[in-house]
Amino acid sequence: MIAVSTFRPHKDSEEYRENQIRAMASWFPIFSNIILMGNLEPELFTYKTTFTFQDGRPHIKDMVGFLASEGELGVWINADIVLHNAFVTLEHLMKKAGCVAATSFRLTFEPGRHATYASAVREPNDFGLDVFVATPEVWQDMYRHIDPRWVKCGQVYDSWMVGFLNKRHKCADFTDRKWVFHPRHEGRVKDGFNSTQWAQDEFAPWAGPPRYWLTNSGLIRKKW
């Protein structure tokens, strides 16, 4: 599996620095290559990381383009998401279930020296999706349809992405496996550059949770 993500420069926020270093440590054993959209951040550099050396906010279509151009299962992920090491088995489960895409809602934990993921919970009214997994063919299809105006800031684009996957591909929800963790934090950029109007297209009625659960047996049952 490969991953693509954005990140905040560590000089800008000590909180984000700690969250991103923690997340990257969890990704390292899972992904064969990690593409980070931005200039070199030494504390995130490993032999598995590739930086795009660009300024400004990356466009979502560019991120999808990297995943579309590779020959492996691709993961679009936010930079502060911690993954359980069992995430590495997701590709096998998806193949067993016959699904080509998957996503998970996040479980929130309190960061700090003694952070524990065992007590992480999904917070009420938290519908953010910070990780999308799909085959190269699915990412190629998304690349052809996604609005090039979307930038990695604020919200909205995750609703469009899951709506697209629900309408055109078999997309499964693996939240119940408890593999995706998000630190409670401040410092969010709340003033986005994306317009909700951009999401009002043929995929808008399909936005919402994925249509299928990815079960322990690897089978899929219909949710709605």
Protein backbone atom coordinates (compact mmCIF):
# COMPACT_ATOMS: atom_id res chain seq x y z
CA MET A 1 0.00 0.00 0.00
CA ILE A 2 1.08 3.57 -0.65
CA ALA A 3 -0.19 6.75 1.03
CA VAL A 4 -0.54 10.40 0.11
CA SER A 5 -1.02 13.19 2.63
CA THR A 6 -0.52 16.86 3.36
CA PHE A 7 1.10 18.23 6.51
CA ARG A 8 1.66 21.44 8.41
CA PRO A 9 5.27 22.71 8.69
CA HIS A 10 6.53 21.90 12.18
CA LYS A 11 7.77 25.42 12.80
CA ASP A 12 4.16 26.64 12.63
CA SER A 13 2.72 24.53 15.45
CA GLU A 14 4.24 22.37 18.17
CA GLU A 15 0.88 20.62 18.62
CA TYR A 16 0.70 19.65 14.95
CA ARG A 17 4.35 18.66 15.03
CA GLU A 18 3.75 16.13 17.80
CA ASN A 19 0.58 14.81 16.16
CA GLN A 20 2.24 14.36 12.77
CA ILE A 21 5.33 12.64 14.15
CA ARG A 22 3.10 10.23 16.10
CA ALA A 23 1.00 9.50 13.02
CA MET A 24 4.01 8.96 10.76
CA ALA A 25 5.49 6.45 13.21
CA SER A 26 2.30 4.38 12.89
CA TRP A 27 2.35 4.57 9.07
CA PHE A 28 5.96 3.53 8.59
CA PRO A 29 5.47 -0.24 9.04
CA ILE A 30 2.31 -0.25 6.89
CA PHE A 31 3.08 1.68 3.69
CA SER A 32 5.70 0.98 1.05
CA ASN A 33 5.81 4.65 0.02
CA ILE A 34 4.46 7.85 1.61
CA ILE A 35 3.98 10.93 -0.59
CA LEU A 36 3.86 14.20 1.38
CA MET A 37 2.54 17.26 -0.44
CA GLY A 38 4.88 20.10 0.44
CA ASN A 39 8.45 21.13 1.04
CA LEU A 40 10.91 18.98 2.95
CA GLU A 41 10.11 18.57 6.65
CA PRO A 42 13.22 16.90 8.16
CA GLU A 43 11.36 15.34 11.09
CA LEU A 44 9.04 13.51 8.69
CA PHE A 45 11.77 12.34 6.34
CA THR A 46 12.44 8.60 6.04
CA TYR A 47 13.58 6.35 3.21
CA LYS A 48 9.89 5.74 2.52
CA THR A 49 8.83 9.40 2.25
CA THR A 50 8.73 11.48 -0.92
CA PHE A 51 8.09 15.23 -0.78
CA THR A 52 6.55 17.15 -3.69
CA PHE A 53 8.41 20.40 -2.84
CA GLN A 54 5.50 22.72 -3.53
CA ASP A 55 4.19 25.83 -1.84
CA GLY A 56 0.61 26.63 -0.96
CA ARG A 57 -2.34 24.36 -0.29
CA PRO A 58 -2.32 21.23 -2.44
CA HIS A 59 -5.28 20.44 -4.66
CA ILE A 60 -7.23 17.30 -3.90
CA LYS A 61 -7.10 16.31 -7.57
CA ASP A 62 -3.30 16.35 -7.46
CA MET A 63 -3.32 14.06 -4.42
CA VAL A 64 -5.72 11.69 -6.16
CA GLY A 65 -3.50 11.83 -9.24
CA PHE A 66 -0.55 10.37 -7.36
CA LEU A 67 -2.69 7.45 -6.16
CA ALA A 68 -4.10 6.97 -9.66
CA SER A 69 -0.63 6.71 -11.17
CA GLU A 70 0.66 3.94 -8.89
CA GLY A 71 0.14 0.20 -9.21
CA GLU A 72 -0.69 -0.47 -5.56
CA LEU A 73 -3.67 0.00 -3.28
CA GLY A 74 -3.65 3.71 -2.44
CA VAL A 75 -4.54 5.48 0.80
CA TRP A 76 -5.57 9.14 1.04
CA ILE A 77 -5.00 10.11 4.67
CA ASN A 78 -4.79 13.16 6.92
CA ALA A 79 -1.40 13.81 8.50
CA ASP A 80 -2.45 13.42 12.14
CA ILE A 81 -4.26 10.08 11.79
CA VAL A 82 -2.76 7.23 13.77
CA LEU A 83 -3.31 3.77 12.29
CA HIS A 84 -3.50 0.49 14.16
CA ASN A 85 -0.84 -1.91 12.92
CA ALA A 86 -3.61 -4.33 11.86
CA PHE A 87 -4.45 -1.81 9.10
CA VAL A 88 -1.91 -3.70 7.01
CA THR A 89 -4.46 -6.55 6.68
CA LEU A 90 -7.09 -4.29 5.09
CA GLU A 91 -6.06 -5.06 1.53
CA HIS A 92 -6.56 -8.79 2.11
CA LEU A 93 -9.98 -8.20 3.67
CA MET A 94 -11.07 -5.97 0.79
CA LYS A 95 -10.08 -8.58 -1.79
CA LYS A 96 -11.85 -11.29 0.18
CA ALA A 97 -14.98 -9.15 0.33
CA GLY A 98 -14.87 -8.09 -3.31
CA CYS A 99 -14.83 -4.37 -2.57
CA VAL A 100 -12.54 -1.88 -4.30
CA ALA A 101 -12.76 1.02 -1.84
CA ALA A 102 -13.07 1.49 1.90
CA THR A 103 -13.17 4.24 4.52
CA SER A 104 -13.53 4.62 8.26
CA PHE A 105 -14.80 7.21 10.66
CA ARG A 106 -12.22 8.19 13.27
CA LEU A 107 -11.97 7.45 16.98
CA THR A 108 -10.77 10.41 19.06
CA PHE A 109 -8.14 10.10 21.79
CA GLU A 110 -6.49 12.53 24.20
CA PRO A 111 -2.89 13.09 23.07
CA GLY A 112 0.02 13.38 25.46
CA ARG A 113 2.88 11.42 26.94
CA HIS A 114 0.56 8.69 28.16
CA ALA A 115 -1.85 8.66 25.21
CA THR A 116 -3.89 5.48 24.97
CA TYR A 117 -5.93 4.38 22.00
CA ALA A 118 -7.86 1.80 23.99
CA SER A 119 -10.10 4.54 25.39
CA ALA A 120 -10.59 6.31 22.03
CA VAL A 121 -14.24 6.83 21.06
CA ARG A 122 -16.18 8.11 18.10
CA GLU A 123 -17.50 11.48 19.16
CA PRO A 124 -21.17 12.35 18.61
CA ASN A 125 -21.85 14.27 15.41
CA ASP A 126 -18.33 13.64 14.13
CA PHE A 127 -18.82 12.63 10.50
CA GLY A 128 -15.35 13.54 9.26
CA LEU A 129 -13.62 10.98 7.06
CA ASP A 130 -9.83 11.22 7.22
CA VAL A 131 -8.84 8.08 5.35
CA PHE A 132 -9.91 6.66 1.99
CA VAL A 133 -8.53 3.42 0.57
CA ALA A 134 -9.01 2.32 -3.04
CA THR A 135 -7.51 0.46 -5.97
CA PRO A 136 -5.60 2.40 -8.66
CA GLU A 137 -8.55 1.94 -11.04
CA VAL A 138 -10.90 3.64 -8.58
CA TRP A 139 -8.51 6.54 -8.06
CA GLN A 140 -8.20 6.88 -11.85
CA ASP A 141 -11.98 7.08 -12.12
CA MET A 142 -12.15 9.67 -9.34
CA TYR A 143 -9.43 11.74 -11.02
CA ARG A 144 -11.59 12.01 -14.14
CA HIS A 145 -14.59 13.29 -12.16
CA ILE A 146 -13.23 15.39 -9.30
CA ASP A 147 -13.52 19.18 -9.45
CA PRO A 148 -10.01 20.65 -9.85
CA ARG A 149 -10.91 23.60 -7.59
CA TRP A 150 -10.91 21.55 -4.37
CA VAL A 151 -7.97 22.35 -2.11
CA LYS A 152 -6.82 20.60 1.04
CA CYS A 153 -8.47 22.90 3.55
CA GLY A 154 -11.59 22.87 5.67
CA GLN A 155 -14.24 20.32 4.83
CA VAL A 156 -16.72 19.37 2.09
CA TYR A 157 -14.42 17.35 -0.17
CA ASP A 158 -14.67 14.25 2.03
CA SER A 159 -18.45 14.26 1.59
CA TRP A 160 -17.98 14.49 -2.17
CA MET A 161 -15.44 11.66 -2.16
CA VAL A 162 -17.65 9.23 -0.26
CA GLY A 163 -20.64 10.20 -2.41
CA PHE A 164 -18.60 9.42 -5.51
CA LEU A 165 -17.49 6.05 -4.11
CA ASN A 166 -21.02 5.11 -3.01
CA LYS A 167 -22.46 5.82 -6.45
CA ARG A 168 -19.82 4.29 -8.68
CA HIS A 169 -17.96 1.64 -6.67
CA LYS A 170 -18.42 -0.94 -3.94
CA CYS A 171 -17.17 0.98 -0.89
CA ALA A 172 -17.06 -0.56 2.58
CA ASP A 173 -17.03 0.94 6.08
CA PHE A 174 -14.40 -0.54 8.42
CA THR A 175 -14.99 1.79 11.41
CA ASP A 176 -15.95 -1.14 13.64
CA ARG A 177 -12.47 -2.56 13.35
CA LYS A 178 -11.15 0.44 15.35
CA TRP A 179 -8.03 1.03 13.29
CA VAL A 180 -8.26 4.81 12.72
CA PHE A 181 -7.44 7.23 15.56
CA HIS A 182 -7.49 11.01 15.68
CA PRO A 183 -5.95 13.21 18.41
CA ARG A 184 -8.12 15.89 19.96
CA HIS A 185 -6.49 19.18 19.04
CA GLU A 186 -6.88 22.90 18.50
CA GLY A 187 -5.52 25.08 15.72
CA ARG A 188 -7.84 23.95 12.94
CA VAL A 189 -8.19 26.12 9.86
CA LYS A 190 -11.92 26.81 9.88
CA ASP A 191 -12.07 29.31 7.05
CA GLY A 192 -11.85 27.12 3.97
CA PHE A 193 -11.27 27.89 0.34
CA ASN A 194 -13.81 25.30 -0.83
CA SER A 195 -17.41 26.04 -1.71
CA THR A 196 -20.24 23.68 -0.78
CA GLN A 197 -21.71 24.45 -4.19
CA TRP A 198 -18.90 22.48 -5.83
CA ALA A 199 -20.28 19.32 -4.20
CA GLN A 200 -23.78 19.78 -5.61
CA ASP A 201 -23.49 17.39 -8.51
CA GLU A 202 -24.66 13.89 -9.43
CA PHE A 203 -22.82 12.41 -6.44
CA ALA A 204 -24.36 14.68 -3.79
CA PRO A 205 -27.40 12.42 -3.11
CA TRP A 206 -25.00 9.55 -2.38
CA ALA A 207 -23.02 11.37 0.29
CA GLY A 208 -23.12 9.80 3.74
CA PRO A 209 -21.80 6.60 5.31
CA PRO A 210 -20.63 3.86 2.94
CA ARG A 211 -23.32 1.44 1.83
CA TYR A 212 -21.60 -1.66 3.19
CA TRP A 213 -19.90 -2.91 6.35
CA LEU A 214 -16.63 -4.77 6.11
CA THR A 215 -17.25 -7.61 8.57
CA ASN A 216 -14.80 -9.73 10.54
CA SER A 217 -15.24 -12.56 8.07
CA GLY A 218 -14.38 -10.23 5.19
CA LEU A 219 -17.91 -10.41 3.77
CA ILE A 220 -20.01 -7.34 3.02
CA ARG A 221 -23.56 -6.81 4.10
CA LYS A 222 -25.71 -4.01 2.78
CA LYS A 223 -26.35 -1.12 5.16
CA TRP A 224 -28.90 0.90 3.18
